[in-house]
Amino acid sequence: MAWSEHSRDSSPAGFRPGQDVGITVSGVQFSFGSREVLSRIDLKVPQGQMWGLVGRSGTGKSTLLNIMAGLYTPNAGEIFVAGREREQHSRIRGVVFQEDSLIGWLSVRENLLFPKHLHPVGDAIPKSEALLRELGLSDRASALPGQLSAGMRKRVEFARALLSDTDYLLMDEPFGSVDALTRRELWSMWHELRKSAPRTGIMSTHDPEEALRMCDAVVVLSPNSPSTITKILPVSPSIRELQIDQYSDELADSRAKIIEWLGTDSGDTSHA
């Protein structure tokens, strides 16, 4: 089944010939009771790419990520994760949630290793220590979450997600709970993490600029219910290479396009 029923070109945005697909979303539909939330969602995310999922509140961004994480079961359609076809639990395990999800009575180090913090196995401990160093948290490893700033807590959540899954990552509005300055610091952190710990995945956000700066392509969900994919915009490398405090006409134009598409009710999934 083609990833976009209305597109003449069934190759994903930003997809290079010969490049492997990491995550395939095929014909996914989901309802809460009688209310249909998602309809005919088709995506193919290339290996090594992070795609942004942008939509208004209530359009099913978190729902789709929860399906991919195995927390919800779709009414129709399937999710395929490359390399895990024969695994009993093929879901994506690395998730940065929208809300603060650290366990308050466990230390930073124990949160990273949870649920195996009492009896860590293999190379979990050296990997966790390396992540703590990389994210500047080594001196806070014994602290409780309540003793950390919001930015530090979010860094711990990123570290835990990276430790939980070495190949894939889902992020549900990961920067939405922090102030504007901390958000930009975390954007810089994410750029560095992508170099040292690349993952294939999807990040949901309300912010078109954030999606453009953080991701390889931006998927726009329609505002109507049930939500469908309105557009998929490949992100130019020149945008992703901008410093956090830099702007460009290309960034502004792409942001304006996404804002326009967020108000489009049609199910036109053609490429931009």
C-alpha atoms as a PDB file:
ATOM      1  CA  MET A   1       0.000   0.000   0.000  1.00  0.00           C
ATOM      2  CA  ALA A   2       1.434   3.397  -0.963  1.00  0.00           C
ATOM      3  CA  TRP A   3       2.321   5.644   1.914  1.00  0.00           C
ATOM      4  CA  SER A   4       0.259   8.475   0.441  1.00  0.00           C
ATOM      5  CA  GLU A   5      -2.871   7.461  -1.433  1.00  0.00           C
ATOM      6  CA  HIS A   6      -3.152  10.851  -3.139  1.00  0.00           C
ATOM      7  CA  SER A   7       0.482  11.259  -4.182  1.00  0.00           C
ATOM      8  CA  ARG A   8       1.814  10.147  -7.546  1.00  0.00           C
ATOM      9  CA  ASP A   9       5.228   9.608  -5.952  1.00  0.00           C
ATOM     10  CA  SER A  10       4.992   6.979  -3.216  1.00  0.00           C
ATOM     11  CA  SER A  11       8.522   7.654  -1.935  1.00  0.00           C
ATOM     12  CA  PRO A  12       8.707   9.516   1.377  1.00  0.00           C
ATOM     13  CA  ALA A  13       9.769  13.138   1.528  1.00  0.00           C
ATOM     14  CA  GLY A  14      13.521  13.394   1.879  1.00  0.00           C
ATOM     15  CA  PHE A  15      13.915   9.727   0.907  1.00  0.00           C
ATOM     16  CA  ARG A  16      17.066   8.893  -1.040  1.00  0.00           C
ATOM     17  CA  PRO A  17      17.128   6.001  -3.544  1.00  0.00           C
ATOM     18  CA  GLY A  18      18.311   2.848  -1.799  1.00  0.00           C
ATOM     19  CA  GLN A  19      17.654   4.242   1.668  1.00  0.00           C
ATOM     20  CA  ASP A  20      15.982   1.836   4.088  1.00  0.00           C
ATOM     21  CA  VAL A  21      12.666   2.582   5.775  1.00  0.00           C
ATOM     22  CA  GLY A  22      12.815   2.655   9.573  1.00  0.00           C
ATOM     23  CA  ILE A  23       9.178   3.152  10.578  1.00  0.00           C
ATOM     24  CA  THR A  24       6.146   2.366   8.441  1.00  0.00           C
ATOM     25  CA  VAL A  25       2.656   3.526   9.415  1.00  0.00           C
ATOM     26  CA  SER A  26       0.136   1.817   7.142  1.00  0.00           C
ATOM     27  CA  GLY A  27      -3.562   2.744   7.004  1.00  0.00           C
ATOM     28  CA  VAL A  28      -3.838   3.532  10.717  1.00  0.00           C
ATOM     29  CA  GLN A  29      -7.244   4.513  12.054  1.00  0.00           C
ATOM     30  CA  PHE A  30      -8.150   5.111  15.691  1.00  0.00           C
ATOM     31  CA  SER A  31     -11.274   6.035  17.645  1.00  0.00           C
ATOM     32  CA  PHE A  32     -12.092   6.921  21.225  1.00  0.00           C
ATOM     33  CA  GLY A  33     -15.513   5.312  21.522  1.00  0.00           C
ATOM     34  CA  SER A  34     -17.665   6.722  18.735  1.00  0.00           C
ATOM     35  CA  ARG A  35     -15.301   9.629  18.036  1.00  0.00           C
ATOM     36  CA  GLU A  36     -12.896   8.856  15.203  1.00  0.00           C
ATOM     37  CA  VAL A  37      -9.559  10.604  15.853  1.00  0.00           C
ATOM     38  CA  LEU A  38      -7.239   9.383  13.078  1.00  0.00           C
ATOM     39  CA  SER A  39      -8.108   8.202   9.583  1.00  0.00           C
ATOM     40  CA  ARG A  40      -5.913   6.604   6.875  1.00  0.00           C
ATOM     41  CA  ILE A  41      -2.552   7.617   8.311  1.00  0.00           C
ATOM     42  CA  ASP A  42       0.278   6.427   6.043  1.00  0.00           C
ATOM     43  CA  LEU A  43       3.940   7.282   6.625  1.00  0.00           C
ATOM     44  CA  LYS A  44       7.366   5.901   5.850  1.00  0.00           C
ATOM     45  CA  VAL A  45      10.158   7.406   7.941  1.00  0.00           C
ATOM     46  CA  PRO A  46      13.621   6.654   6.488  1.00  0.00           C
ATOM     47  CA  GLN A  47      16.274   5.120   8.711  1.00  0.00           C
ATOM     48  CA  GLY A  48      18.219   7.748  10.618  1.00  0.00           C
ATOM     49  CA  GLN A  49      15.657  10.512  10.135  1.00  0.00           C
ATOM     50  CA  MET A  50      13.529  12.337  12.702  1.00  0.00           C
ATOM     51  CA  TRP A  51      10.183  13.588  11.412  1.00  0.00           C
ATOM     52  CA  GLY A  52       8.082  16.287  13.012  1.00  0.00           C
ATOM     53  CA  LEU A  53       4.335  15.829  13.529  1.00  0.00           C
ATOM     54  CA  VAL A  54       2.525  19.176  13.652  1.00  0.00           C
ATOM     55  CA  GLY A  55      -1.152  19.778  14.307  1.00  0.00           C
ATOM     56  CA  ARG A  56      -3.607  21.733  16.381  1.00  0.00           C
ATOM     57  CA  SER A  57      -4.673  20.559  19.841  1.00  0.00           C
ATOM     58  CA  GLY A  58      -6.893  17.500  19.661  1.00  0.00           C
ATOM     59  CA  THR A  59      -5.774  16.359  16.211  1.00  0.00           C
ATOM     60  CA  GLY A  60      -4.332  13.071  17.437  1.00  0.00           C
ATOM     61  CA  LYS A  61      -0.583  13.764  17.596  1.00  0.00           C
ATOM     62  CA  SER A  62      -0.144  12.129  21.007  1.00  0.00           C
ATOM     63  CA  THR A  63      -2.553   9.347  20.029  1.00  0.00           C
ATOM     64  CA  LEU A  64      -0.444   8.387  17.014  1.00  0.00           C
ATOM     65  CA  LEU A  65       2.747   8.329  19.094  1.00  0.00           C
ATOM     66  CA  ASN A  66       1.015   6.195  21.743  1.00  0.00           C
ATOM     67  CA  ILE A  67       0.032   3.723  19.022  1.00  0.00           C
ATOM     68  CA  MET A  68       3.637   3.583  17.835  1.00  0.00           C
ATOM     69  CA  ALA A  69       4.815   3.022  21.401  1.00  0.00           C
ATOM     70  CA  GLY A  70       2.386   0.121  21.796  1.00  0.00           C
ATOM     71  CA  LEU A  71       0.282   1.918  24.417  1.00  0.00           C
ATOM     72  CA  TYR A  72      -2.831   2.077  22.175  1.00  0.00           C
ATOM     73  CA  THR A  73      -4.104  -0.454  19.634  1.00  0.00           C
ATOM     74  CA  PRO A  74      -5.383   1.007  16.335  1.00  0.00           C
ATOM     75  CA  ASN A  75      -8.846   0.117  15.066  1.00  0.00           C
ATOM     76  CA  ALA A  76      -7.303  -0.543  11.662  1.00  0.00           C
ATOM     77  CA  GLY A  77      -3.874  -0.445  10.072  1.00  0.00           C
ATOM     78  CA  GLU A  78      -0.419  -1.489  11.240  1.00  0.00           C
ATOM     79  CA  ILE A  79       2.911  -0.144  12.450  1.00  0.00           C
ATOM     80  CA  PHE A  80       6.120  -1.766  11.200  1.00  0.00           C
ATOM     81  CA  VAL A  81       9.468  -1.109  12.898  1.00  0.00           C
ATOM     82  CA  ALA A  82      12.472  -2.208  10.849  1.00  0.00           C
ATOM     83  CA  GLY A  83      14.608  -4.874  12.490  1.00  0.00           C
ATOM     84  CA  ARG A  84      11.884  -5.914  14.909  1.00  0.00           C
ATOM     85  CA  GLU A  85       9.586  -7.902  12.672  1.00  0.00           C
ATOM     86  CA  ARG A  86      10.233 -11.122  14.590  1.00  0.00           C
ATOM     87  CA  GLU A  87      10.260  -9.642  18.076  1.00  0.00           C
ATOM     88  CA  GLN A  88       7.299 -10.348  20.322  1.00  0.00           C
ATOM     89  CA  HIS A  89       7.379  -6.767  21.581  1.00  0.00           C
ATOM     90  CA  SER A  90       8.209  -4.746  18.469  1.00  0.00           C
ATOM     91  CA  ARG A  91       7.082  -1.385  19.806  1.00  0.00           C
ATOM     92  CA  ILE A  92       9.386   1.609  20.123  1.00  0.00           C
ATOM     93  CA  ARG A  93      10.672   1.726  23.693  1.00  0.00           C
ATOM     94  CA  GLY A  94      12.445   5.092  23.688  1.00  0.00           C
ATOM     95  CA  VAL A  95       9.806   7.736  24.506  1.00  0.00           C
ATOM     96  CA  VAL A  96      10.062  11.300  25.816  1.00  0.00           C
ATOM     97  CA  PHE A  97       6.604  12.099  27.141  1.00  0.00           C
ATOM     98  CA  GLN A  98       4.819  15.438  27.098  1.00  0.00           C
ATOM     99  CA  GLU A  99       4.336  15.505  30.880  1.00  0.00           C
ATOM    100  CA  ASP A 100       7.039  15.044  33.497  1.00  0.00           C
ATOM    101  CA  SER A 101       7.365  11.263  33.776  1.00  0.00           C
ATOM    102  CA  LEU A 102      10.280  10.839  36.188  1.00  0.00           C
ATOM    103  CA  ILE A 103       9.662   8.820  39.348  1.00  0.00           C
ATOM    104  CA  GLY A 104       9.938  11.213  42.257  1.00  0.00           C
ATOM    105  CA  TRP A 105      11.411   8.855  44.856  1.00  0.00           C
ATOM    106  CA  LEU A 106      14.154   7.516  42.564  1.00  0.00           C
ATOM    107  CA  SER A 107      17.431   9.293  41.920  1.00  0.00           C
ATOM    108  CA  VAL A 108      18.473  10.530  38.497  1.00  0.00           C
ATOM    109  CA  ARG A 109      20.662   7.453  38.006  1.00  0.00           C
ATOM    110  CA  GLU A 110      17.864   5.102  39.129  1.00  0.00           C
ATOM    111  CA  ASN A 111      15.357   6.815  36.814  1.00  0.00           C
ATOM    112  CA  LEU A 112      17.668   6.183  33.865  1.00  0.00           C
ATOM    113  CA  LEU A 113      17.894   2.481  34.684  1.00  0.00           C
ATOM    114  CA  PHE A 114      14.222   1.978  35.653  1.00  0.00           C
ATOM    115  CA  PRO A 115      12.625  -0.612  35.728  1.00  0.00           C
ATOM    116  CA  LYS A 116      15.895  -2.552  36.108  1.00  0.00           C
ATOM    117  CA  HIS A 117      17.454  -0.083  38.551  1.00  0.00           C
ATOM    118  CA  LEU A 118      17.654  -2.671  41.343  1.00  0.00           C
ATOM    119  CA  HIS A 119      19.411  -5.288  39.200  1.00  0.00           C
ATOM    120  CA  PRO A 120      20.962  -3.621  36.120  1.00  0.00           C
ATOM    121  CA  VAL A 121      22.285  -6.053  33.536  1.00  0.00           C
ATOM    122  CA  GLY A 122      24.859  -5.981  30.753  1.00  0.00           C
ATOM    123  CA  ASP A 123      26.347  -2.612  29.892  1.00  0.00           C
ATOM    124  CA  ALA A 124      23.407  -0.573  31.247  1.00  0.00           C
ATOM    125  CA  ILE A 125      25.469   1.086  33.979  1.00  0.00           C
ATOM    126  CA  PRO A 126      28.413   2.259  31.811  1.00  0.00           C
ATOM    127  CA  LYS A 127      25.971   3.457  29.134  1.00  0.00           C
ATOM    128  CA  SER A 128      23.954   5.396  31.687  1.00  0.00           C
ATOM    129  CA  GLU A 129      27.077   6.982  33.142  1.00  0.00           C
ATOM    130  CA  ALA A 130      28.226   8.010  29.655  1.00  0.00           C
ATOM    131  CA  LEU A 131      24.853   9.661  28.968  1.00  0.00           C
ATOM    132  CA  LEU A 132      24.967  11.472  32.307  1.00  0.00           C
ATOM    133  CA  ARG A 133      28.375  12.882  31.394  1.00  0.00           C
ATOM    134  CA  GLU A 134      27.297  13.877  27.897  1.00  0.00           C
ATOM    135  CA  LEU A 135      24.227  15.712  29.179  1.00  0.00           C
ATOM    136  CA  GLY A 136      26.069  17.436  32.018  1.00  0.00           C
ATOM    137  CA  LEU A 137      24.235  15.522  34.748  1.00  0.00           C
ATOM    138  CA  SER A 138      27.048  13.543  36.381  1.00  0.00           C
ATOM    139  CA  ASP A 139      27.133  15.763  39.456  1.00  0.00           C
ATOM    140  CA  ARG A 140      23.351  15.397  39.851  1.00  0.00           C
ATOM    141  CA  ALA A 141      23.177  11.611  39.443  1.00  0.00           C
ATOM    142  CA  SER A 142      22.181  11.051  43.085  1.00  0.00           C
ATOM    143  CA  ALA A 143      19.641  13.894  43.184  1.00  0.00           C
ATOM    144  CA  LEU A 144      15.886  13.361  43.219  1.00  0.00           C
ATOM    145  CA  PRO A 145      13.794  14.842  40.378  1.00  0.00           C
ATOM    146  CA  GLY A 146      12.286  17.420  42.727  1.00  0.00           C
ATOM    147  CA  GLN A 147      15.766  18.833  43.305  1.00  0.00           C
ATOM    148  CA  LEU A 148      16.304  19.529  39.589  1.00  0.00           C
ATOM    149  CA  SER A 149      15.247  22.391  37.350  1.00  0.00           C
ATOM    150  CA  ALA A 150      12.689  21.724  34.607  1.00  0.00           C
ATOM    151  CA  GLY A 151      15.460  21.736  32.003  1.00  0.00           C
ATOM    152  CA  MET A 152      17.536  19.201  33.934  1.00  0.00           C
ATOM    153  CA  ARG A 153      14.526  16.914  34.407  1.00  0.00           C
ATOM    154  CA  LYS A 154      13.895  16.985  30.672  1.00  0.00           C
ATOM    155  CA  ARG A 155      17.546  16.079  30.036  1.00  0.00           C
ATOM    156  CA  VAL A 156      17.094  13.055  32.295  1.00  0.00           C
ATOM    157  CA  GLU A 157      14.010  12.023  30.314  1.00  0.00           C
ATOM    158  CA  PHE A 158      15.992  12.239  27.071  1.00  0.00           C
ATOM    159  CA  ALA A 159      18.787  10.150  28.579  1.00  0.00           C
ATOM    160  CA  ARG A 160      16.320   7.509  29.782  1.00  0.00           C
ATOM    161  CA  ALA A 161      14.689   7.300  26.339  1.00  0.00           C
ATOM    162  CA  LEU A 162      18.056   6.925  24.595  1.00  0.00           C
ATOM    163  CA  LEU A 163      19.069   4.220  27.047  1.00  0.00           C
ATOM    164  CA  SER A 164      15.745   2.374  26.586  1.00  0.00           C
ATOM    165  CA  ASP A 165      16.026   2.069  22.800  1.00  0.00           C
ATOM    166  CA  THR A 166      19.267   2.205  20.843  1.00  0.00           C
ATOM    167  CA  ASP A 167      17.594   2.664  17.429  1.00  0.00           C
ATOM    168  CA  TYR A 168      14.295   4.527  17.743  1.00  0.00           C
ATOM    169  CA  LEU A 169      12.864   7.528  19.564  1.00  0.00           C
ATOM    170  CA  LEU A 170       9.402   9.061  19.976  1.00  0.00           C
ATOM    171  CA  MET A 171       8.997  12.546  21.456  1.00  0.00           C
ATOM    172  CA  ASP A 172       5.596  13.947  22.445  1.00  0.00           C
ATOM    173  CA  GLU A 173       5.954  17.741  22.612  1.00  0.00           C
ATOM    174  CA  PRO A 174       9.204  17.243  24.557  1.00  0.00           C
ATOM    175  CA  PHE A 175       9.990  20.953  24.947  1.00  0.00           C
ATOM    176  CA  GLY A 176       6.486  22.197  25.701  1.00  0.00           C
ATOM    177  CA  SER A 177       6.779  22.246  29.487  1.00  0.00           C
ATOM    178  CA  VAL A 178       9.809  24.563  29.770  1.00  0.00           C
ATOM    179  CA  ASP A 179      10.325  28.303  29.349  1.00  0.00           C
ATOM    180  CA  ALA A 180      11.510  29.855  26.080  1.00  0.00           C
ATOM    181  CA  LEU A 181      15.194  30.187  27.052  1.00  0.00           C
ATOM    182  CA  THR A 182      15.381  26.630  28.418  1.00  0.00           C
ATOM    183  CA  ARG A 183      13.645  25.389  25.272  1.00  0.00           C
ATOM    184  CA  ARG A 184      16.391  26.853  23.102  1.00  0.00           C
ATOM    185  CA  GLU A 185      19.055  25.293  25.328  1.00  0.00           C
ATOM    186  CA  LEU A 186      17.325  21.931  24.872  1.00  0.00           C
ATOM    187  CA  TRP A 187      17.177  22.481  21.112  1.00  0.00           C
ATOM    188  CA  SER A 188      20.970  22.849  21.152  1.00  0.00           C
ATOM    189  CA  MET A 189      21.245  19.709  23.284  1.00  0.00           C
ATOM    190  CA  TRP A 190      19.126  17.785  20.783  1.00  0.00           C
ATOM    191  CA  HIS A 191      21.325  18.856  17.857  1.00  0.00           C
ATOM    192  CA  GLU A 192      24.377  17.501  19.685  1.00  0.00           C
ATOM    193  CA  LEU A 193      22.588  14.286  20.654  1.00  0.00           C
ATOM    194  CA  ARG A 194      21.642  13.628  17.046  1.00  0.00           C
ATOM    195  CA  LYS A 195      25.331  13.589  16.167  1.00  0.00           C
ATOM    196  CA  SER A 196      26.404  11.266  18.988  1.00  0.00           C
ATOM    197  CA  ALA A 197      23.272   9.103  19.322  1.00  0.00           C
ATOM    198  CA  PRO A 198      21.308   9.147  16.037  1.00  0.00           C
ATOM    199  CA  ARG A 199      17.810   7.687  16.140  1.00  0.00           C
ATOM    200  CA  THR A 200      14.920   7.126  13.758  1.00  0.00           C
ATOM    201  CA  GLY A 201      11.674   8.569  15.045  1.00  0.00           C
ATOM    202  CA  ILE A 202       8.884  11.103  15.242  1.00  0.00           C
ATOM    203  CA  MET A 203       8.507  14.236  17.366  1.00  0.00           C
ATOM    204  CA  SER A 204       5.138  15.918  17.876  1.00  0.00           C
ATOM    205  CA  THR A 205       4.937  19.668  18.461  1.00  0.00           C
ATOM    206  CA  HIS A 206       2.591  22.653  18.159  1.00  0.00           C
ATOM    207  CA  ASP A 207       5.485  24.841  17.007  1.00  0.00           C
ATOM    208  CA  PRO A 208       6.288  24.871  13.254  1.00  0.00           C
ATOM    209  CA  GLU A 209       9.658  26.540  13.854  1.00  0.00           C
ATOM    210  CA  GLU A 210      10.622  23.853  16.344  1.00  0.00           C
ATOM    211  CA  ALA A 211       9.690  21.111  13.880  1.00  0.00           C
ATOM    212  CA  LEU A 212      11.720  22.758  11.107  1.00  0.00           C
ATOM    213  CA  ARG A 213      14.808  23.196  13.272  1.00  0.00           C
ATOM    214  CA  MET A 214      14.698  19.754  14.875  1.00  0.00           C
ATOM    215  CA  CYS A 215      13.513  17.450  12.086  1.00  0.00           C
ATOM    216  CA  ASP A 216      14.221  16.153   8.582  1.00  0.00           C
ATOM    217  CA  ALA A 217      10.608  16.461   7.395  1.00  0.00           C
ATOM    218  CA  VAL A 218       7.386  17.928   8.806  1.00  0.00           C
ATOM    219  CA  VAL A 219       4.060  16.068   8.689  1.00  0.00           C
ATOM    220  CA  VAL A 220       1.015  18.363   8.989  1.00  0.00           C
ATOM    221  CA  LEU A 221      -2.247  16.946  10.375  1.00  0.00           C
ATOM    222  CA  SER A 222      -5.559  18.400   9.236  1.00  0.00           C
ATOM    223  CA  PRO A 223      -7.677  20.287  11.808  1.00  0.00           C
ATOM    224  CA  ASN A 224     -10.847  18.398  10.905  1.00  0.00           C
ATOM    225  CA  SER A 225     -11.948  15.252  12.746  1.00  0.00           C
ATOM    226  CA  PRO A 226     -10.878  12.578  12.059  1.00  0.00           C
ATOM    227  CA  SER A 227      -7.414  13.898  11.313  1.00  0.00           C
ATOM    228  CA  THR A 228      -5.636  12.997   8.105  1.00  0.00           C
ATOM    229  CA  ILE A 229      -2.269  14.056   6.714  1.00  0.00           C
ATOM    230  CA  THR A 230      -2.542  17.374   4.874  1.00  0.00           C
ATOM    231  CA  LYS A 231       1.049  17.852   3.729  1.00  0.00           C
ATOM    232  CA  ILE A 232       4.553  16.460   4.204  1.00  0.00           C
ATOM    233  CA  LEU A 233       7.326  19.033   3.876  1.00  0.00           C
ATOM    234  CA  PRO A 234      10.970  17.953   3.510  1.00  0.00           C
ATOM    235  CA  VAL A 235      13.198  20.265   5.559  1.00  0.00           C
ATOM    236  CA  SER A 236      16.138  21.802   3.741  1.00  0.00           C
ATOM    237  CA  PRO A 237      19.546  20.954   5.270  1.00  0.00           C
ATOM    238  CA  SER A 238      20.299  24.694   5.263  1.00  0.00           C
ATOM    239  CA  ILE A 239      17.471  25.200   7.778  1.00  0.00           C
ATOM    240  CA  ARG A 240      18.620  22.382  10.064  1.00  0.00           C
ATOM    241  CA  GLU A 241      22.180  23.729   9.973  1.00  0.00           C
ATOM    242  CA  LEU A 242      21.141  27.158  11.290  1.00  0.00           C
ATOM    243  CA  GLN A 243      22.416  28.057  14.734  1.00  0.00           C
ATOM    244  CA  ILE A 244      19.652  28.315  17.323  1.00  0.00           C
ATOM    245  CA  ASP A 245      19.830  32.130  17.317  1.00  0.00           C
ATOM    246  CA  GLN A 246      19.987  32.352  13.513  1.00  0.00           C
ATOM    247  CA  TYR A 247      17.066  32.942  11.154  1.00  0.00           C
ATOM    248  CA  SER A 248      16.668  32.882   7.388  1.00  0.00           C
ATOM    249  CA  ASP A 249      14.084  33.737   4.756  1.00  0.00           C
ATOM    250  CA  GLU A 250      13.821  30.029   3.946  1.00  0.00           C
ATOM    251  CA  LEU A 251      12.947  29.228   7.564  1.00  0.00           C
ATOM    252  CA  ALA A 252      10.357  32.018   7.645  1.00  0.00           C
ATOM    253  CA  ASP A 253       8.785  30.903   4.350  1.00  0.00           C
ATOM    254  CA  SER A 254       8.589  27.247   5.440  1.00  0.00           C
ATOM    255  CA  ARG A 255       7.077  28.259   8.777  1.00  0.00           C
ATOM    256  CA  ALA A 256       4.439  30.366   6.983  1.00  0.00           C
ATOM    257  CA  LYS A 257       3.556  27.400   4.729  1.00  0.00           C
ATOM    258  CA  ILE A 258       3.008  25.101   7.701  1.00  0.00           C
ATOM    259  CA  ILE A 259       0.848  27.668   9.500  1.00  0.00           C
ATOM    260  CA  GLU A 260      -1.279  27.988   6.351  1.00  0.00           C
ATOM    261  CA  TRP A 261      -1.622  24.201   6.038  1.00  0.00           C
ATOM    262  CA  LEU A 262      -2.657  23.874   9.693  1.00  0.00           C
ATOM    263  CA  GLY A 263      -5.897  25.570   8.712  1.00  0.00           C
ATOM    264  CA  THR A 264      -6.507  23.327   5.679  1.00  0.00           C
ATOM    265  CA  ASP A 265      -9.337  20.812   6.036  1.00  0.00           C
ATOM    266  CA  SER A 266      -8.612  18.908   2.840  1.00  0.00           C
ATOM    267  CA  GLY A 267      -7.066  15.462   2.761  1.00  0.00           C
ATOM    268  CA  ASP A 268      -4.572  16.426   0.074  1.00  0.00           C
ATOM    269  CA  THR A 269      -1.382  14.596   1.037  1.00  0.00           C
ATOM    270  CA  SER A 270       0.717  15.753  -1.878  1.00  0.00           C
ATOM    271  CA  HIS A 271       4.334  16.687  -1.269  1.00  0.00           C
ATOM    272  CA  ALA A 272       5.284  20.325  -0.955  1.00  0.00           C
END
